[in-house]
């Protein structure tokens, strides 16, 4: 089973334009890991990063149910260095799926 999400463009700035949801998910999954990571978790995360890189300019992103569940949990626990309403919109969108 797959889960398709919108790759909405935001007003959040990036070096090369405005961030899309794929960019925000990549920020979340690329954060340093304090407690370490197993090889199987590393394979899973690198697979998700590959999907995000390939979907960067597409209107939707498709994940397996397991990949999306992992991303949803990471999103729920995410910590941000700025306050912005579009981050809240993004987090709420992911949580609603």
Protein backbone atom coordinates (compact mmCIF):
# COMPACT_ATOMS: atom_id res chain seq x y z
CA UNK A 1 0.00 0.00 0.00
CA UNK A 2 1.28 3.47 -0.83
CA UNK A 3 0.68 6.93 0.55
CA UNK A 4 0.69 9.95 -1.75
CA UNK A 5 1.22 13.41 -0.34
CA UNK A 6 1.09 16.87 -1.86
CA UNK A 7 4.46 18.51 -2.57
CA UNK A 8 3.18 22.01 -1.88
CA UNK A 9 5.40 25.04 -2.39
CA UNK A 10 5.79 27.32 0.64
CA UNK A 11 7.14 30.83 1.16
CA UNK A 12 9.98 29.45 3.28
CA UNK A 13 13.27 30.48 1.64
CA UNK A 14 15.89 28.06 0.34
CA UNK A 15 19.18 28.86 -1.39
CA UNK A 16 17.61 28.21 -4.80
CA UNK A 17 14.07 29.49 -4.27
CA UNK A 18 11.18 28.53 -2.02
CA UNK A 19 10.90 25.30 -0.03
CA UNK A 20 8.44 22.60 -0.99
CA UNK A 21 7.13 19.87 1.32
CA UNK A 22 9.80 17.49 -0.05
CA UNK A 23 12.45 19.96 1.14
CA UNK A 24 10.90 20.18 4.61
CA UNK A 25 10.74 16.39 4.90
CA UNK A 26 14.38 16.18 3.84
CA UNK A 27 15.35 18.69 6.55
CA UNK A 28 13.60 16.48 9.10
CA UNK A 29 15.11 13.17 7.98
CA UNK A 30 18.62 14.64 7.46
CA UNK A 31 18.95 15.92 11.05
CA UNK A 32 21.87 14.45 12.99
CA UNK A 33 20.97 11.41 15.07
CA UNK A 34 21.96 11.69 18.73
CA UNK A 35 21.48 8.07 19.72
CA UNK A 36 22.88 6.40 16.60
CA UNK A 37 21.19 4.44 13.83
CA UNK A 38 21.13 0.80 12.79
CA UNK A 39 22.08 -0.31 9.30
CA UNK A 40 18.46 -1.22 8.50
CA UNK A 41 17.29 2.22 9.69
CA UNK A 42 20.02 3.81 7.59
CA UNK A 43 18.86 1.88 4.49
CA UNK A 44 15.26 2.96 5.13
CA UNK A 45 16.22 6.61 5.58
CA UNK A 46 18.48 6.69 2.52
CA UNK A 47 15.62 5.16 0.50
CA UNK A 48 13.32 7.94 1.71
CA UNK A 49 15.94 10.60 0.91
CA UNK A 50 16.24 9.16 -2.61
CA UNK A 51 12.45 9.41 -3.06
CA UNK A 52 12.49 13.01 -1.82
CA UNK A 53 15.34 13.96 -4.17
CA UNK A 54 13.55 12.41 -7.17
CA UNK A 55 10.23 14.05 -6.22
CA UNK A 56 11.61 17.50 -5.46
CA UNK A 57 9.95 19.22 -8.43
CA UNK A 58 6.88 16.97 -8.72
CA UNK A 59 3.42 17.92 -7.46
CA UNK A 60 3.06 14.76 -5.35
CA UNK A 61 5.34 12.35 -3.49
CA UNK A 62 4.59 8.66 -3.10
CA UNK A 63 5.79 6.58 -0.15
CA UNK A 64 5.16 3.08 1.09
CA UNK A 65 2.91 2.95 4.16
CA UNK A 66 5.93 2.10 6.33
CA UNK A 67 8.01 4.99 4.94
CA UNK A 68 5.17 7.45 5.49
CA UNK A 69 4.56 6.22 9.03
CA UNK A 70 8.23 6.83 9.83
CA UNK A 71 8.15 10.32 8.27
CA UNK A 72 4.92 11.20 10.09
CA UNK A 73 6.51 10.25 13.42
CA UNK A 74 9.66 12.24 12.65
CA UNK A 75 7.51 15.22 11.61
CA UNK A 76 5.51 15.02 14.83
CA UNK A 77 8.76 15.13 16.85
CA UNK A 78 10.53 17.73 14.68
CA UNK A 79 12.26 20.76 16.15
CA UNK A 80 12.66 23.93 14.08
CA UNK A 81 15.02 26.87 14.35
CA UNK A 82 12.39 29.41 13.28
CA UNK A 83 8.73 30.22 13.87
CA UNK A 84 6.60 30.21 10.73
CA UNK A 85 2.93 29.54 10.08
CA UNK A 86 3.75 27.42 7.01
CA UNK A 87 5.75 25.02 9.17
CA UNK A 88 2.65 24.59 11.31
CA UNK A 89 0.54 24.08 8.15
CA UNK A 90 3.00 21.43 6.93
CA UNK A 91 3.12 19.57 10.27
CA UNK A 92 -0.67 19.67 10.56
CA UNK A 93 -1.07 18.41 6.96
CA UNK A 94 1.21 15.43 7.56
CA UNK A 95 -0.57 14.64 10.84
CA UNK A 96 -3.96 14.73 9.09
CA UNK A 97 -3.07 11.94 6.65
